[in-house]
């Protein structure tokens, strides 16, 4: 079902771009940006919602729409996020 939704969304975004309604370089990125904007609005409108759970669910759905098997997408989304300071330190060490 998610792949069908992604295909329809891509088709509609591309059709809008072809008629000049959208000016975009990458239909796949437009799909991701649209999902992020919708998630932001959903969380803004429903502050009681678990934002981490919602973000994981949207990320899992996007990974599945782009072709990752469901169990692999779920496993990726269940992993803890990296510590940003540690990641930034490693980035600085390799730059």
N, C-alpha and C. Protein backbone atom coordinates (compact mmCIF):
# COMPACT_ATOMS: atom_id res chain seq x y z
N UNK A 1 0.82 -1.19 0.00
CA UNK A 1 0.00 0.00 0.00
C UNK A 1 0.86 1.26 0.00
N UNK A 2 1.92 1.28 0.83
CA UNK A 2 2.78 2.46 0.86
C UNK A 2 3.43 2.72 -0.48
N UNK A 3 3.81 1.68 -1.17
CA UNK A 3 4.42 1.88 -2.49
C UNK A 3 3.40 2.45 -3.45
N UNK A 4 2.15 2.01 -3.38
CA UNK A 4 1.12 2.57 -4.24
C UNK A 4 0.90 4.04 -3.93
N UNK A 5 0.90 4.39 -2.65
CA UNK A 5 0.73 5.78 -2.26
C UNK A 5 1.90 6.61 -2.75
N UNK A 6 3.11 6.09 -2.63
CA UNK A 6 4.29 6.81 -3.08
C UNK A 6 4.25 6.98 -4.59
N UNK A 7 3.84 5.95 -5.31
CA UNK A 7 3.75 6.06 -6.77
C UNK A 7 2.74 7.12 -7.17
N UNK A 8 1.60 7.13 -6.51
CA UNK A 8 0.59 8.15 -6.82
C UNK A 8 1.08 9.54 -6.46
N UNK A 9 1.74 9.66 -5.32
CA UNK A 9 2.25 10.97 -4.91
C UNK A 9 3.30 11.45 -5.90
N UNK A 10 4.22 10.57 -6.30
CA UNK A 10 5.24 10.94 -7.29
C UNK A 10 4.58 11.36 -8.60
N UNK A 11 3.60 10.60 -9.03
CA UNK A 11 2.90 10.90 -10.28
C UNK A 11 2.25 12.28 -10.21
N UNK A 12 1.58 12.57 -9.09
CA UNK A 12 0.89 13.85 -8.95
C UNK A 12 1.86 15.01 -8.85
N UNK A 13 2.95 14.81 -8.12
CA UNK A 13 3.97 15.86 -8.00
C UNK A 13 4.60 16.13 -9.36
N UNK A 14 4.92 15.05 -10.08
CA UNK A 14 5.53 15.22 -11.40
C UNK A 14 4.57 15.88 -12.38
N UNK A 15 3.29 15.50 -12.32
CA UNK A 15 2.29 16.13 -13.20
C UNK A 15 2.18 17.62 -12.91
N UNK A 16 2.19 17.99 -11.65
CA UNK A 16 2.14 19.41 -11.29
C UNK A 16 3.39 20.14 -11.78
N UNK A 17 4.54 19.49 -11.67
CA UNK A 17 5.78 20.10 -12.17
C UNK A 17 5.73 20.25 -13.69
N UNK A 18 5.21 19.23 -14.37
CA UNK A 18 5.14 19.27 -15.83
C UNK A 18 4.24 20.40 -16.33
N UNK A 19 3.21 20.74 -15.57
CA UNK A 19 2.31 21.83 -15.98
C UNK A 19 2.78 23.19 -15.49
N UNK A 20 3.89 23.21 -14.75
CA UNK A 20 4.43 24.47 -14.27
C UNK A 20 3.92 24.92 -12.91
N UNK A 21 3.09 24.13 -12.27
CA UNK A 21 2.58 24.50 -10.94
C UNK A 21 3.65 24.38 -9.88
N UNK A 22 4.55 23.41 -10.02
CA UNK A 22 5.67 23.24 -9.11
C UNK A 22 6.96 23.45 -9.91
N UNK A 23 7.93 24.02 -9.24
CA UNK A 23 9.26 24.13 -9.83
C UNK A 23 10.19 23.34 -8.93
N UNK A 24 10.53 22.14 -9.34
CA UNK A 24 11.36 21.29 -8.50
C UNK A 24 12.39 20.58 -9.34
N UNK A 25 13.48 20.24 -8.67
CA UNK A 25 14.57 19.53 -9.35
C UNK A 25 14.49 18.03 -9.14
N UNK A 26 13.89 17.59 -8.02
CA UNK A 26 13.93 16.17 -7.67
C UNK A 26 12.60 15.78 -7.03
N UNK A 27 11.85 14.97 -7.73
CA UNK A 27 10.53 14.55 -7.26
C UNK A 27 10.63 13.74 -5.97
N UNK A 28 11.65 12.91 -5.84
CA UNK A 28 11.82 12.10 -4.63
C UNK A 28 12.04 13.01 -3.42
N UNK A 29 12.88 14.03 -3.57
CA UNK A 29 13.11 14.95 -2.46
C UNK A 29 11.85 15.72 -2.12
N UNK A 30 11.08 16.08 -3.13
CA UNK A 30 9.82 16.79 -2.87
C UNK A 30 8.89 15.93 -2.03
N UNK A 31 8.89 14.64 -2.26
CA UNK A 31 8.07 13.72 -1.48
C UNK A 31 8.51 13.71 -0.02
N UNK A 32 9.81 13.66 0.21
CA UNK A 32 10.35 13.65 1.57
C UNK A 32 10.06 14.97 2.28
N UNK A 33 10.30 16.07 1.58
CA UNK A 33 10.05 17.39 2.17
C UNK A 33 8.57 17.53 2.51
N UNK A 34 7.70 17.08 1.64
CA UNK A 34 6.26 17.14 1.91
C UNK A 34 5.90 16.36 3.16
N UNK A 35 6.49 15.17 3.32
CA UNK A 35 6.22 14.37 4.51
C UNK A 35 6.70 15.09 5.76
N UNK A 36 7.88 15.70 5.69
CA UNK A 36 8.42 16.42 6.86
C UNK A 36 7.54 17.61 7.22
N UNK A 37 7.08 18.34 6.22
CA UNK A 37 6.20 19.49 6.49
C UNK A 37 4.87 19.04 7.11
N UNK A 38 4.33 17.96 6.58
CA UNK A 38 3.07 17.45 7.13
C UNK A 38 3.25 16.96 8.56
N UNK A 39 4.37 16.30 8.84
CA UNK A 39 4.65 15.84 10.20
C UNK A 39 4.76 17.03 11.14
N UNK A 40 5.47 18.07 10.72
CA UNK A 40 5.59 19.27 11.54
C UNK A 40 4.24 19.89 11.85
N UNK A 41 3.38 19.97 10.86
CA UNK A 41 2.06 20.55 11.07
C UNK A 41 1.22 19.67 11.98
N UNK A 42 1.30 18.35 11.78
CA UNK A 42 0.56 17.42 12.64
C UNK A 42 0.97 17.57 14.09
N UNK A 43 2.27 17.65 14.34
CA UNK A 43 2.76 17.78 15.72
C UNK A 43 2.41 19.15 16.30
N UNK A 44 2.41 20.17 15.49
CA UNK A 44 2.01 21.51 15.95
C UNK A 44 0.54 21.51 16.36
N UNK A 45 -0.30 20.88 15.54
CA UNK A 45 -1.74 20.85 15.79
C UNK A 45 -2.12 19.89 16.92
N UNK A 46 -1.26 18.94 17.23
CA UNK A 46 -1.55 17.92 18.25
C UNK A 46 -0.37 17.81 19.21
N UNK A 47 -0.16 18.82 20.06
CA UNK A 47 1.03 18.83 20.93
C UNK A 47 1.08 17.66 21.92
N UNK A 48 -0.03 17.01 22.14
CA UNK A 48 -0.04 15.87 23.06
C UNK A 48 0.51 14.60 22.41
N UNK A 49 0.68 14.63 21.13
CA UNK A 49 1.17 13.47 20.40
C UNK A 49 2.65 13.22 20.71
N UNK A 50 3.07 11.98 20.74
CA UNK A 50 4.46 11.60 20.97
C UNK A 50 5.25 11.92 19.70
N UNK A 51 6.06 12.99 19.76
CA UNK A 51 6.76 13.44 18.56
C UNK A 51 7.81 12.44 18.09
N UNK A 52 8.49 11.78 19.01
CA UNK A 52 9.51 10.79 18.63
C UNK A 52 8.86 9.60 17.92
N UNK A 53 7.76 9.12 18.46
CA UNK A 53 7.05 7.99 17.85
C UNK A 53 6.53 8.37 16.47
N UNK A 54 5.96 9.56 16.34
CA UNK A 54 5.43 10.02 15.05
C UNK A 54 6.56 10.15 14.02
N UNK A 55 7.69 10.72 14.44
CA UNK A 55 8.82 10.87 13.52
C UNK A 55 9.35 9.51 13.08
N UNK A 56 9.44 8.57 14.00
CA UNK A 56 9.88 7.22 13.64
C UNK A 56 8.92 6.56 12.67
N UNK A 57 7.64 6.73 12.89
CA UNK A 57 6.64 6.11 12.01
C UNK A 57 6.71 6.70 10.60
N UNK A 58 6.83 8.02 10.51
CA UNK A 58 6.93 8.66 9.19
C UNK A 58 8.22 8.22 8.50
N UNK A 59 9.32 8.16 9.23
CA UNK A 59 10.59 7.74 8.66
C UNK A 59 10.50 6.30 8.16
N UNK A 60 9.91 5.44 8.96
CA UNK A 60 9.74 4.05 8.54
C UNK A 60 8.91 3.95 7.27
N UNK A 61 7.82 4.69 7.22
CA UNK A 61 6.97 4.68 6.02
C UNK A 61 7.71 5.20 4.79
N UNK A 62 8.50 6.26 4.96
CA UNK A 62 9.28 6.78 3.83
C UNK A 62 10.31 5.75 3.35
N UNK A 63 10.99 5.11 4.28
CA UNK A 63 11.97 4.09 3.90
C UNK A 63 11.29 2.96 3.13
N UNK A 64 10.11 2.56 3.57
CA UNK A 64 9.37 1.51 2.86
C UNK A 64 8.92 1.99 1.49
N UNK A 65 8.48 3.24 1.40
CA UNK A 65 8.03 3.76 0.11
C UNK A 65 9.19 3.81 -0.89
N UNK A 66 10.41 4.00 -0.39
CA UNK A 66 11.57 4.03 -1.28
C UNK A 66 12.16 2.65 -1.53
N UNK A 67 11.49 1.61 -1.03
CA UNK A 67 11.85 0.26 -1.41
C UNK A 67 12.50 -0.61 -0.35
N UNK A 68 12.74 -0.09 0.83
CA UNK A 68 13.32 -0.91 1.89
C UNK A 68 12.27 -1.88 2.40
N UNK A 69 12.63 -3.13 2.66
CA UNK A 69 11.66 -4.06 3.25
C UNK A 69 11.19 -3.55 4.61
N UNK A 70 9.95 -3.83 4.94
CA UNK A 70 9.34 -3.34 6.17
C UNK A 70 10.11 -3.68 7.43
N UNK A 71 10.60 -4.91 7.53
CA UNK A 71 11.32 -5.30 8.75
C UNK A 71 12.64 -4.54 8.87
N UNK A 72 13.30 -4.28 7.76
CA UNK A 72 14.56 -3.54 7.80
C UNK A 72 14.31 -2.06 8.15
N UNK A 73 13.27 -1.48 7.56
CA UNK A 73 12.91 -0.09 7.87
C UNK A 73 12.57 0.05 9.34
N UNK A 74 11.82 -0.90 9.87
CA UNK A 74 11.44 -0.87 11.28
C UNK A 74 12.66 -0.98 12.19
N UNK A 75 13.59 -1.86 11.83
CA UNK A 75 14.81 -2.04 12.62
C UNK A 75 15.64 -0.76 12.62
N UNK A 76 15.79 -0.13 11.49
CA UNK A 76 16.55 1.12 11.41
C UNK A 76 15.92 2.18 12.31
N UNK A 77 14.61 2.29 12.27
CA UNK A 77 13.91 3.32 13.03
C UNK A 77 13.88 3.04 14.53
N UNK A 78 14.14 1.82 14.93
CA UNK A 78 14.16 1.49 16.36
C UNK A 78 15.53 1.69 17.00
N UNK A 79 16.54 1.96 16.18
CA UNK A 79 17.87 2.17 16.73
C UNK A 79 17.93 3.53 17.42
N UNK A 80 18.72 3.63 18.49
CA UNK A 80 18.83 4.93 19.16
C UNK A 80 19.54 5.93 18.25
N UNK A 81 19.16 7.18 18.40
CA UNK A 81 19.82 8.24 17.64
C UNK A 81 21.23 8.44 18.18
N UNK A 82 22.16 8.80 17.31
CA UNK A 82 23.53 9.03 17.80
C UNK A 82 23.59 10.31 18.64
N UNK A 83 24.53 10.34 19.54
CA UNK A 83 24.78 11.54 20.33
C UNK A 83 25.33 12.61 19.39
N UNK A 84 24.67 13.75 19.29
CA UNK A 84 25.08 14.78 18.33
C UNK A 84 26.46 15.34 18.63
N UNK A 85 26.80 15.49 19.89
CA UNK A 85 28.13 16.02 20.23
C UNK A 85 29.21 15.03 19.81
N UNK A 86 29.00 13.77 20.05
CA UNK A 86 29.98 12.76 19.66
C UNK A 86 30.11 12.72 18.14
N UNK A 87 28.99 12.77 17.45
CA UNK A 87 29.02 12.75 15.98
C UNK A 87 29.74 13.99 15.46
N UNK A 88 29.50 15.15 16.06
CA UNK A 88 30.16 16.38 15.63
C UNK A 88 31.66 16.30 15.90
N UNK A 89 32.05 15.71 17.03
CA UNK A 89 33.47 15.55 17.35
C UNK A 89 34.15 14.65 16.33
N UNK A 90 33.47 13.55 15.95
CA UNK A 90 34.05 12.65 14.95
C UNK A 90 34.15 13.35 13.60
N UNK A 91 33.16 14.14 13.25
CA UNK A 91 33.17 14.87 11.99
C UNK A 91 34.35 15.83 11.96
N UNK A 92 34.58 16.55 13.06
CA UNK A 92 35.70 17.49 13.13
C UNK A 92 37.04 16.81 13.06
N UNK A 93 37.11 15.60 13.59
CA UNK A 93 38.38 14.87 13.58
C UNK A 93 38.74 14.38 12.18
N UNK A 94 37.73 14.15 11.34
CA UNK A 94 38.01 13.65 10.00
C UNK A 94 38.09 14.76 8.97
N UNK A 95 37.73 15.98 9.36
CA UNK A 95 37.73 17.08 8.37
C UNK A 95 39.12 17.64 8.15
